[in-house]
Amino acid sequence: MSSGHTYLEGGAIRVQATFAVGGVNTDPTTVTLKVKSPDGSVSTYTYELGEVTKSAEGIYNKEITPNAVGKWWYRWIGTGTAAGVAETSITILASQID
């Protein structure tokens, strides 16, 4: 697990994962993204259903719009050809102006 960045509420954030085998970007058999909000609810997105975008061989991304202040977690899961997982947190802060 790794800790991510801090963002202000109200904006979209692009999360990305790169899958590789032997240092070469490789497409997994399946790609899943799970996003956990501060209230503990989890949303699941897949490449197969068109909810995740492939930008290049082995590189996938998703634009998310966090709708609550607090710590969010996202976990990328690849299976098969380039199996692997990565989990990162982002912190959403309340605006001090609005």
PDB file of N, CA and C in Angstrom:
ATOM      1  N   MET A   1       0.837  -1.172   0.000  1.00  0.00           N
ATOM      2  CA  MET A   1       0.000   0.000   0.000  1.00  0.00           C
ATOM      3  C   MET A   1       0.880   1.233   0.000  1.00  0.00           C
ATOM      4  N   SER A   2       0.369   2.259  -0.630  1.00  0.00           N
ATOM      5  CA  SER A   2       1.091   3.513  -0.601  1.00  0.00           C
ATOM      6  C   SER A   2       0.105   4.641  -0.338  1.00  0.00           C
ATOM      7  N   SER A   3       0.627   5.742   0.183  1.00  0.00           N
ATOM      8  CA  SER A   3      -0.246   6.877   0.426  1.00  0.00           C
ATOM      9  C   SER A   3      -0.170   7.798  -0.777  1.00  0.00           C
ATOM     10  N   GLY A   4      -1.274   8.410  -1.071  1.00  0.00           N
ATOM     11  CA  GLY A   4      -1.370   9.229  -2.264  1.00  0.00           C
ATOM     12  C   GLY A   4      -1.277  10.706  -1.967  1.00  0.00           C
ATOM     13  N   HIS A   5      -2.031  11.454  -2.734  1.00  0.00           N
ATOM     14  CA  HIS A   5      -1.973  12.903  -2.694  1.00  0.00           C
ATOM     15  C   HIS A   5      -3.196  13.490  -1.996  1.00  0.00           C
ATOM     16  N   THR A   6      -3.140  14.808  -1.801  1.00  0.00           N
ATOM     17  CA  THR A   6      -4.239  15.544  -1.203  1.00  0.00           C
ATOM     18  C   THR A   6      -4.843  16.462  -2.254  1.00  0.00           C
ATOM     19  N   TYR A   7      -6.185  16.490  -2.303  1.00  0.00           N
ATOM     20  CA  TYR A   7      -6.911  17.306  -3.267  1.00  0.00           C
ATOM     21  C   TYR A   7      -8.006  18.067  -2.537  1.00  0.00           C
ATOM     22  N   LEU A   8      -8.461  19.167  -3.148  1.00  0.00           N
ATOM     23  CA  LEU A   8      -9.611  19.884  -2.617  1.00  0.00           C
ATOM     24  C   LEU A   8     -10.881  19.270  -3.165  1.00  0.00           C
ATOM     25  N   GLU A   9     -11.949  19.337  -2.379  1.00  0.00           N
ATOM     26  CA  GLU A   9     -13.230  18.786  -2.812  1.00  0.00           C
ATOM     27  C   GLU A   9     -13.751  19.543  -4.029  1.00  0.00           C
ATOM     28  N   GLY A  10     -14.557  18.843  -4.815  1.00  0.00           N
ATOM     29  CA  GLY A  10     -15.233  19.475  -5.929  1.00  0.00           C
ATOM     30  C   GLY A  10     -14.634  19.229  -7.293  1.00  0.00           C
ATOM     31  N   GLY A  11     -13.505  18.570  -7.366  1.00  0.00           N
ATOM     32  CA  GLY A  11     -12.868  18.350  -8.662  1.00  0.00           C
ATOM     33  C   GLY A  11     -12.745  16.883  -9.009  1.00  0.00           C
ATOM     34  N   ALA A  12     -12.595  16.630 -10.294  1.00  0.00           N
ATOM     35  CA  ALA A  12     -12.378  15.268 -10.766  1.00  0.00           C
ATOM     36  C   ALA A  12     -10.901  14.916 -10.629  1.00  0.00           C
ATOM     37  N   ILE A  13     -10.640  13.640 -10.380  1.00  0.00           N
ATOM     38  CA  ILE A  13      -9.275  13.137 -10.208  1.00  0.00           C
ATOM     39  C   ILE A  13      -9.102  11.927 -11.117  1.00  0.00           C
ATOM     40  N   ARG A  14      -8.012  11.893 -11.853  1.00  0.00           N
ATOM     41  CA  ARG A  14      -7.722  10.737 -12.699  1.00  0.00           C
ATOM     42  C   ARG A  14      -6.777   9.813 -11.947  1.00  0.00           C
ATOM     43  N   VAL A  15      -7.210   8.566 -11.754  1.00  0.00           N
ATOM     44  CA  VAL A  15      -6.351   7.557 -11.136  1.00  0.00           C
ATOM     45  C   VAL A  15      -5.878   6.624 -12.244  1.00  0.00           C
ATOM     46  N   GLN A  16      -4.667   6.123 -12.098  1.00  0.00           N
ATOM     47  CA  GLN A  16      -4.061   5.342 -13.173  1.00  0.00           C
ATOM     48  C   GLN A  16      -3.261   4.177 -12.625  1.00  0.00           C
ATOM     49  N   ALA A  17      -3.203   3.113 -13.404  1.00  0.00           N
ATOM     50  CA  ALA A  17      -2.382   1.949 -13.060  1.00  0.00           C
ATOM     51  C   ALA A  17      -1.618   1.504 -14.295  1.00  0.00           C
ATOM     52  N   THR A  18      -0.402   1.025 -14.071  1.00  0.00           N
ATOM     53  CA  THR A  18       0.401   0.440 -15.144  1.00  0.00           C
ATOM     54  C   THR A  18       0.718  -0.985 -14.760  1.00  0.00           C
ATOM     55  N   PHE A  19       0.380  -1.925 -15.642  1.00  0.00           N
ATOM     56  CA  PHE A  19       0.665  -3.339 -15.439  1.00  0.00           C
ATOM     57  C   PHE A  19       1.816  -3.721 -16.358  1.00  0.00           C
ATOM     58  N   ALA A  20       2.782  -4.465 -15.824  1.00  0.00           N
ATOM     59  CA  ALA A  20       3.946  -4.848 -16.612  1.00  0.00           C
ATOM     60  C   ALA A  20       4.410  -6.251 -16.229  1.00  0.00           C
ATOM     61  N   VAL A  21       5.046  -6.876 -17.190  1.00  0.00           N
ATOM     62  CA  VAL A  21       5.678  -8.181 -16.968  1.00  0.00           C
ATOM     63  C   VAL A  21       7.117  -8.051 -17.451  1.00  0.00           C
ATOM     64  N   GLY A  22       8.061  -8.287 -16.558  1.00  0.00           N
ATOM     65  CA  GLY A  22       9.470  -8.179 -16.920  1.00  0.00           C
ATOM     66  C   GLY A  22       9.853  -6.793 -17.405  1.00  0.00           C
ATOM     67  N   GLY A  23       9.209  -5.770 -16.849  1.00  0.00           N
ATOM     68  CA  GLY A  23       9.515  -4.395 -17.232  1.00  0.00           C
ATOM     69  C   GLY A  23       8.851  -3.929 -18.516  1.00  0.00           C
ATOM     70  N   VAL A  24       8.036  -4.781 -19.119  1.00  0.00           N
ATOM     71  CA  VAL A  24       7.344  -4.427 -20.366  1.00  0.00           C
ATOM     72  C   VAL A  24       5.853  -4.270 -20.069  1.00  0.00           C
ATOM     73  N   ASN A  25       5.307  -3.113 -20.401  1.00  0.00           N
ATOM     74  CA  ASN A  25       3.871  -2.901 -20.186  1.00  0.00           C
ATOM     75  C   ASN A  25       3.085  -3.993 -20.889  1.00  0.00           C
ATOM     76  N   THR A  26       2.155  -4.610 -20.134  1.00  0.00           N
ATOM     77  CA  THR A  26       1.392  -5.762 -20.622  1.00  0.00           C
ATOM     78  C   THR A  26      -0.050  -5.646 -20.151  1.00  0.00           C
ATOM     79  N   ASP A  27      -0.990  -5.936 -21.046  1.00  0.00           N
ATOM     80  CA  ASP A  27      -2.399  -5.924 -20.671  1.00  0.00           C
ATOM     81  C   ASP A  27      -2.740  -7.154 -19.844  1.00  0.00           C
ATOM     82  N   PRO A  28      -3.368  -6.959 -18.683  1.00  0.00           N
ATOM     83  CA  PRO A  28      -3.883  -8.089 -17.925  1.00  0.00           C
ATOM     84  C   PRO A  28      -5.066  -8.720 -18.660  1.00  0.00           C
ATOM     85  N   THR A  29      -5.450  -9.901 -18.244  1.00  0.00           N
ATOM     86  CA  THR A  29      -6.631 -10.549 -18.807  1.00  0.00           C
ATOM     87  C   THR A  29      -7.882  -9.775 -18.403  1.00  0.00           C
ATOM     88  N   THR A  30      -7.974  -9.367 -17.145  1.00  0.00           N
ATOM     89  CA  THR A  30      -9.059  -8.500 -16.675  1.00  0.00           C
ATOM     90  C   THR A  30      -8.469  -7.368 -15.856  1.00  0.00           C
ATOM     91  N   VAL A  31      -9.156  -6.224 -15.876  1.00  0.00           N
ATOM     92  CA  VAL A  31      -8.746  -5.061 -15.095  1.00  0.00           C
ATOM     93  C   VAL A  31      -9.957  -4.576 -14.300  1.00  0.00           C
ATOM     94  N   THR A  32      -9.761  -4.445 -12.982  1.00  0.00           N
ATOM     95  CA  THR A  32     -10.815  -3.979 -12.088  1.00  0.00           C
ATOM     96  C   THR A  32     -10.259  -2.866 -11.215  1.00  0.00           C
ATOM     97  N   LEU A  33     -11.085  -1.859 -10.971  1.00  0.00           N
ATOM     98  CA  LEU A  33     -10.756  -0.771 -10.056  1.00  0.00           C
ATOM     99  C   LEU A  33     -11.825  -0.739  -8.973  1.00  0.00           C
ATOM    100  N   LYS A  34     -11.389  -0.741  -7.719  1.00  0.00           N
ATOM    101  CA  LYS A  34     -12.315  -0.600  -6.592  1.00  0.00           C
ATOM    102  C   LYS A  34     -11.979   0.711  -5.887  1.00  0.00           C
ATOM    103  N   VAL A  35     -13.023   1.502  -5.616  1.00  0.00           N
ATOM    104  CA  VAL A  35     -12.855   2.792  -4.951  1.00  0.00           C
ATOM    105  C   VAL A  35     -13.677   2.773  -3.670  1.00  0.00           C
ATOM    106  N   LYS A  36     -13.000   3.053  -2.547  1.00  0.00           N
ATOM    107  CA  LYS A  36     -13.662   3.048  -1.232  1.00  0.00           C
ATOM    108  C   LYS A  36     -13.736   4.479  -0.709  1.00  0.00           C
ATOM    109  N   SER A  37     -14.949   4.931  -0.423  1.00  0.00           N
ATOM    110  CA  SER A  37     -15.172   6.287   0.082  1.00  0.00           C
ATOM    111  C   SER A  37     -14.960   6.326   1.602  1.00  0.00           C
ATOM    112  N   PRO A  38     -14.893   7.539   2.172  1.00  0.00           N
ATOM    113  CA  PRO A  38     -14.697   7.644   3.631  1.00  0.00           C
ATOM    114  C   PRO A  38     -15.783   6.964   4.455  1.00  0.00           C
ATOM    115  N   ASP A  39     -16.990   6.799   3.903  1.00  0.00           N
ATOM    116  CA  ASP A  39     -18.062   6.140   4.666  1.00  0.00           C
ATOM    117  C   ASP A  39     -18.002   4.618   4.574  1.00  0.00           C
ATOM    118  N   GLY A  40     -17.005   4.105   3.842  1.00  0.00           N
ATOM    119  CA  GLY A  40     -16.807   2.659   3.754  1.00  0.00           C
ATOM    120  C   GLY A  40     -17.473   1.990   2.565  1.00  0.00           C
ATOM    121  N   SER A  41     -18.258   2.731   1.794  1.00  0.00           N
ATOM    122  CA  SER A  41     -18.887   2.119   0.617  1.00  0.00           C
ATOM    123  C   SER A  41     -17.846   1.938  -0.485  1.00  0.00           C
ATOM    124  N   VAL A  42     -18.003   0.846  -1.245  1.00  0.00           N
ATOM    125  CA  VAL A  42     -17.043   0.509  -2.297  1.00  0.00           C
ATOM    126  C   VAL A  42     -17.762   0.461  -3.642  1.00  0.00           C
ATOM    127  N   SER A  43     -17.192   1.153  -4.629  1.00  0.00           N
ATOM    128  CA  SER A  43     -17.681   1.104  -6.009  1.00  0.00           C
ATOM    129  C   SER A  43     -16.675   0.316  -6.826  1.00  0.00           C
ATOM    130  N   THR A  44     -17.171  -0.526  -7.728  1.00  0.00           N
ATOM    131  CA  THR A  44     -16.310  -1.366  -8.563  1.00  0.00           C
ATOM    132  C   THR A  44     -16.505  -0.998 -10.027  1.00  0.00           C
ATOM    133  N   TYR A  45     -15.388  -0.848 -10.741  1.00  0.00           N
ATOM    134  CA  TYR A  45     -15.396  -0.504 -12.159  1.00  0.00           C
ATOM    135  C   TYR A  45     -14.508  -1.498 -12.905  1.00  0.00           C
ATOM    136  N   THR A  46     -14.897  -1.851 -14.128  1.00  0.00           N
ATOM    137  CA  THR A  46     -14.082  -2.781 -14.913  1.00  0.00           C
ATOM    138  C   THR A  46     -13.830  -2.252 -16.320  1.00  0.00           C
ATOM    139  N   TYR A  47     -12.731  -2.681 -16.879  1.00  0.00           N
ATOM    140  CA  TYR A  47     -12.418  -2.351 -18.267  1.00  0.00           C
ATOM    141  C   TYR A  47     -13.397  -3.059 -19.198  1.00  0.00           C
ATOM    142  N   GLU A  48     -13.726  -4.271 -18.861  1.00  0.00           N
ATOM    143  CA  GLU A  48     -14.614  -5.089 -19.696  1.00  0.00           C
ATOM    144  C   GLU A  48     -15.978  -4.438 -19.912  1.00  0.00           C
ATOM    145  N   LEU A  49     -16.456  -3.683 -18.921  1.00  0.00           N
ATOM    146  CA  LEU A  49     -17.753  -3.010 -19.041  1.00  0.00           C
ATOM    147  C   LEU A  49     -17.622  -1.575 -19.554  1.00  0.00           C
ATOM    148  N   GLY A  50     -16.394  -1.173 -19.915  1.00  0.00           N
ATOM    149  CA  GLY A  50     -16.169   0.165 -20.440  1.00  0.00           C
ATOM    150  C   GLY A  50     -16.135   1.255 -19.383  1.00  0.00           C
ATOM    151  N   GLU A  51     -15.986   0.879 -18.125  1.00  0.00           N
ATOM    152  CA  GLU A  51     -15.967   1.848 -17.027  1.00  0.00           C
ATOM    153  C   GLU A  51     -14.553   2.346 -16.723  1.00  0.00           C
ATOM    154  N   VAL A  52     -13.557   1.659 -17.245  1.00  0.00           N
ATOM    155  CA  VAL A  52     -12.147   1.996 -17.106  1.00  0.00           C
ATOM    156  C   VAL A  52     -11.602   2.166 -18.523  1.00  0.00           C
ATOM    157  N   THR A  53     -10.722   3.132 -18.715  1.00  0.00           N
ATOM    158  CA  THR A  53     -10.165   3.432 -20.035  1.00  0.00           C
ATOM    159  C   THR A  53      -8.739   2.906 -20.153  1.00  0.00           C
ATOM    160  N   LYS A  54      -8.422   2.358 -21.317  1.00  0.00           N
ATOM    161  CA  LYS A  54      -7.050   1.938 -21.618  1.00  0.00           C
ATOM    162  C   LYS A  54      -6.417   3.036 -22.456  1.00  0.00           C
ATOM    163  N   SER A  55      -5.291   3.601 -21.977  1.00  0.00           N
ATOM    164  CA  SER A  55      -4.637   4.673 -22.725  1.00  0.00           C
ATOM    165  C   SER A  55      -3.454   4.180 -23.546  1.00  0.00           C
ATOM    166  N   ALA A  56      -2.901   3.034 -23.177  1.00  0.00           N
ATOM    167  CA  ALA A  56      -1.789   2.423 -23.922  1.00  0.00           C
ATOM    168  C   ALA A  56      -1.630   0.998 -23.402  1.00  0.00           C
ATOM    169  N   GLU A  57      -0.775   0.233 -24.031  1.00  0.00           N
ATOM    170  CA  GLU A  57      -0.529  -1.145 -23.597  1.00  0.00           C
ATOM    171  C   GLU A  57      -0.203  -1.162 -22.105  1.00  0.00           C
ATOM    172  N   GLY A  58      -1.033  -1.857 -21.310  1.00  0.00           N
ATOM    173  CA  GLY A  58      -0.802  -2.020 -19.877  1.00  0.00           C
ATOM    174  C   GLY A  58      -1.135  -0.822 -19.007  1.00  0.00           C
ATOM    175  N   ILE A  59      -1.621   0.278 -19.588  1.00  0.00           N
ATOM    176  CA  ILE A  59      -1.905   1.496 -18.820  1.00  0.00           C
ATOM    177  C   ILE A  59      -3.407   1.777 -18.851  1.00  0.00           C
ATOM    178  N   TYR A  60      -4.003   1.857 -17.666  1.00  0.00           N
ATOM    179  CA  TYR A  60      -5.446   2.034 -17.522  1.00  0.00           C
ATOM    180  C   TYR A  60      -5.720   3.196 -16.581  1.00  0.00           C
ATOM    181  N   ASN A  61      -6.829   3.899 -16.811  1.00  0.00           N
ATOM    182  CA  ASN A  61      -7.169   5.011 -15.940  1.00  0.00           C
ATOM    183  C   ASN A  61      -8.674   5.165 -15.811  1.00  0.00           C
ATOM    184  N   LYS A  62      -9.047   5.935 -14.816  1.00  0.00           N
ATOM    185  CA  LYS A  62     -10.460   6.220 -14.535  1.00  0.00           C
ATOM    186  C   LYS A  62     -10.522   7.597 -13.885  1.00  0.00           C
ATOM    187  N   GLU A  63     -11.447   8.413 -14.344  1.00  0.00           N
ATOM    188  CA  GLU A  63     -11.679   9.696 -13.710  1.00  0.00           C
ATOM    189  C   GLU A  63     -12.760   9.518 -12.651  1.00  0.00           C
ATOM    190  N   ILE A  64     -12.428   9.874 -11.430  1.00  0.00           N
ATOM    191  CA  ILE A  64     -13.392   9.774 -10.339  1.00  0.00           C
ATOM    192  C   ILE A  64     -13.651  11.174  -9.786  1.00  0.00           C
ATOM    193  N   THR A  65     -14.824  11.368  -9.225  1.00  0.00           N
ATOM    194  CA  THR A  65     -15.166  12.644  -8.611  1.00  0.00           C
ATOM    195  C   THR A  65     -15.593  12.368  -7.171  1.00  0.00           C
ATOM    196  N   PRO A  66     -14.652  12.442  -6.244  1.00  0.00           N
ATOM    197  CA  PRO A  66     -14.983  12.189  -4.843  1.00  0.00           C
ATOM    198  C   PRO A  66     -16.038  13.186  -4.360  1.00  0.00           C
ATOM    199  N   ASN A  67     -17.071  12.678  -3.713  1.00  0.00           N
ATOM    200  CA  ASN A  67     -18.181  13.528  -3.286  1.00  0.00           C
ATOM    201  C   ASN A  67     -18.247  13.690  -1.767  1.00  0.00           C
ATOM    202  N   ALA A  68     -17.140  13.413  -1.096  1.00  0.00           N
ATOM    203  CA  ALA A  68     -17.098  13.560   0.365  1.00  0.00           C
ATOM    204  C   ALA A  68     -15.673  13.868   0.807  1.00  0.00           C
ATOM    205  N   VAL A  69     -15.568  14.662   1.850  1.00  0.00           N
ATOM    206  CA  VAL A  69     -14.274  14.983   2.450  1.00  0.00           C
ATOM    207  C   VAL A  69     -13.784  13.780   3.238  1.00  0.00           C
ATOM    208  N   GLY A  70     -12.488  13.524   3.208  1.00  0.00           N
ATOM    209  CA  GLY A  70     -11.908  12.433   3.979  1.00  0.00           C
ATOM    210  C   GLY A  70     -10.953  11.610   3.151  1.00  0.00           C
ATOM    211  N   LYS A  71     -10.591  10.459   3.682  1.00  0.00           N
ATOM    212  CA  LYS A  71      -9.644   9.572   3.011  1.00  0.00           C
ATOM    213  C   LYS A  71     -10.385   8.586   2.109  1.00  0.00           C
ATOM    214  N   TRP A  72      -9.964   8.539   0.862  1.00  0.00           N
ATOM    215  CA  TRP A  72     -10.484   7.616  -0.147  1.00  0.00           C
ATOM    216  C   TRP A  72      -9.377   6.631  -0.476  1.00  0.00           C
ATOM    217  N   TRP A  73      -9.758   5.415  -0.805  1.00  0.00           N
ATOM    218  CA  TRP A  73      -8.801   4.393  -1.219  1.00  0.00           C
ATOM    219  C   TRP A  73      -9.190   3.894  -2.598  1.00  0.00           C
ATOM    220  N   TYR A  74      -8.190   3.604  -3.404  1.00  0.00           N
ATOM    221  CA  TYR A  74      -8.482   2.932  -4.661  1.00  0.00           C
ATOM    222  C   TYR A  74      -7.500   1.789  -4.865  1.00  0.00           C
ATOM    223  N   ARG A  75      -8.016   0.716  -5.432  1.00  0.00           N
ATOM    224  CA  ARG A  75      -7.251  -0.519  -5.615  1.00  0.00           C
ATOM    225  C   ARG A  75      -7.435  -1.015  -7.041  1.00  0.00           C
ATOM    226  N   TRP A  76      -6.331  -1.140  -7.757  1.00  0.00           N
ATOM    227  CA  TRP A  76      -6.319  -1.705  -9.103  1.00  0.00           C
ATOM    228  C   TRP A  76      -6.004  -3.186  -9.002  1.00  0.00           C
ATOM    229  N   ILE A  77      -6.727  -3.996  -9.766  1.00  0.00           N
ATOM    230  CA  ILE A  77      -6.522  -5.443  -9.758  1.00  0.00           C
ATOM    231  C   ILE A  77      -6.425  -5.925 -11.200  1.00  0.00           C
ATOM    232  N   GLY A  78      -5.322  -6.570 -11.516  1.00  0.00           N
ATOM    233  CA  GLY A  78      -5.148  -7.190 -12.828  1.00  0.00           C
ATOM    234  C   GLY A  78      -5.048  -8.694 -12.634  1.00  0.00           C
ATOM    235  N   THR A  79      -5.647  -9.455 -13.536  1.00  0.00           N
ATOM    236  CA  THR A  79      -5.577 -10.916 -13.445  1.00  0.00           C
ATOM    237  C   THR A  79      -4.974 -11.483 -14.724  1.00  0.00           C
ATOM    238  N   GLY A  80      -4.576 -12.741 -14.648  1.00  0.00           N
ATOM    239  CA  GLY A  80      -4.105 -13.461 -15.838  1.00  0.00           C
ATOM    240  C   GLY A  80      -2.729 -13.043 -16.294  1.00  0.00           C
ATOM    241  N   THR A  81      -2.638 -12.591 -17.521  1.00  0.00           N
ATOM    242  CA  THR A  81      -1.379 -12.293 -18.193  1.00  0.00           C
ATOM    243  C   THR A  81      -0.452 -11.380 -17.395  1.00  0.00           C
ATOM    244  N   ALA A  82      -0.996 -10.328 -16.801  1.00  0.00           N
ATOM    245  CA  ALA A  82      -0.200  -9.376 -16.016  1.00  0.00           C
ATOM    246  C   ALA A  82      -0.862  -9.192 -14.651  1.00  0.00           C
ATOM    247  N   ALA A  83      -0.941 -10.269 -13.901  1.00  0.00           N
ATOM    248  CA  ALA A  83      -1.621 -10.230 -12.602  1.00  0.00           C
ATOM    249  C   ALA A  83      -0.875  -9.328 -11.632  1.00  0.00           C
ATOM    250  N   GLY A  84      -1.638  -8.564 -10.859  1.00  0.00           N
ATOM    251  CA  GLY A  84      -1.040  -7.710  -9.848  1.00  0.00           C
ATOM    252  C   GLY A  84      -2.082  -6.816  -9.225  1.00  0.00           C
ATOM    253  N   VAL A  85      -1.721  -6.227  -8.091  1.00  0.00           N
ATOM    254  CA  VAL A  85      -2.595  -5.286  -7.404  1.00  0.00           C
ATOM    255  C   VAL A  85      -1.775  -4.083  -6.940  1.00  0.00           C
ATOM    256  N   ALA A  86      -2.448  -2.955  -6.836  1.00  0.00           N
ATOM    257  CA  ALA A  86      -1.849  -1.750  -6.264  1.00  0.00           C
ATOM    258  C   ALA A  86      -2.955  -1.006  -5.540  1.00  0.00           C
ATOM    259  N   GLU A  87      -2.641  -0.488  -4.373  1.00  0.00           N
ATOM    260  CA  GLU A  87      -3.635   0.212  -3.567  1.00  0.00           C
ATOM    261  C   GLU A  87      -3.034   1.525  -3.087  1.00  0.00           C
ATOM    262  N   THR A  88      -3.811   2.594  -3.229  1.00  0.00           N
ATOM    263  CA  THR A  88      -3.337   3.929  -2.878  1.00  0.00           C
ATOM    264  C   THR A  88      -4.467   4.713  -2.225  1.00  0.00           C
ATOM    265  N   SER A  89      -4.109   5.648  -1.380  1.00  0.00           N
ATOM    266  CA  SER A  89      -5.117   6.518  -0.776  1.00  0.00           C
ATOM    267  C   SER A  89      -4.960   7.934  -1.309  1.00  0.00           C
ATOM    268  N   ILE A  90      -6.075   8.650  -1.292  1.00  0.00           N
ATOM    269  CA  ILE A  90      -6.065  10.077  -1.563  1.00  0.00           C
ATOM    270  C   ILE A  90      -6.890  10.735  -0.455  1.00  0.00           C
ATOM    271  N   THR A  91      -6.536  11.949  -0.121  1.00  0.00           N
ATOM    272  CA  THR A  91      -7.267  12.677   0.906  1.00  0.00           C
ATOM    273  C   THR A  91      -7.952  13.863   0.258  1.00  0.00           C
ATOM    274  N   ILE A  92      -9.243  14.000   0.524  1.00  0.00           N
ATOM    275  CA  ILE A  92     -10.027  15.104  -0.002  1.00  0.00           C
ATOM    276  C   ILE A  92     -10.277  16.083   1.144  1.00  0.00           C
ATOM    277  N   LEU A  93      -9.869  17.329   0.937  1.00  0.00           N
ATOM    278  CA  LEU A  93     -10.020  18.366   1.959  1.00  0.00           C
ATOM    279  C   LEU A  93     -11.175  19.298   1.612  1.00  0.00           C
ATOM    280  N   ALA A  94     -11.807  19.840   2.626  1.00  0.00           N
ATOM    281  CA  ALA A  94     -12.883  20.810   2.424  1.00  0.00           C
ATOM    282  C   ALA A  94     -12.277  22.136   1.978  1.00  0.00           C
ATOM    283  N   SER A  95     -12.978  22.840   1.128  1.00  0.00           N
ATOM    284  CA  SER A  95     -12.552  24.158   0.693  1.00  0.00           C
ATOM    285  C   SER A  95     -12.608  25.125   1.865  1.00  0.00           C
ATOM    286  N   GLN A  96     -11.654  26.001   1.970  1.00  0.00           N
ATOM    287  CA  GLN A  96     -11.628  27.026   3.008  1.00  0.00           C
ATOM    288  C   GLN A  96     -12.259  28.316   2.515  1.00  0.00           C
ATOM    289  N   ILE A  97     -12.711  28.330   1.272  1.00  0.00           N
ATOM    290  CA  ILE A  97     -13.281  29.544   0.675  1.00  0.00           C
ATOM    291  C   ILE A  97     -14.783  29.404   0.500  1.00  0.00           C
ATOM    292  N   ASP A  98     -15.263  28.263   0.057  1.00  0.00           N
ATOM    293  CA  ASP A  98     -16.702  28.096  -0.186  1.00  0.00           C
ATOM    294  C   ASP A  98     -17.484  28.024   1.084  1.00  0.00           C
TER     295      ASP A  98
END
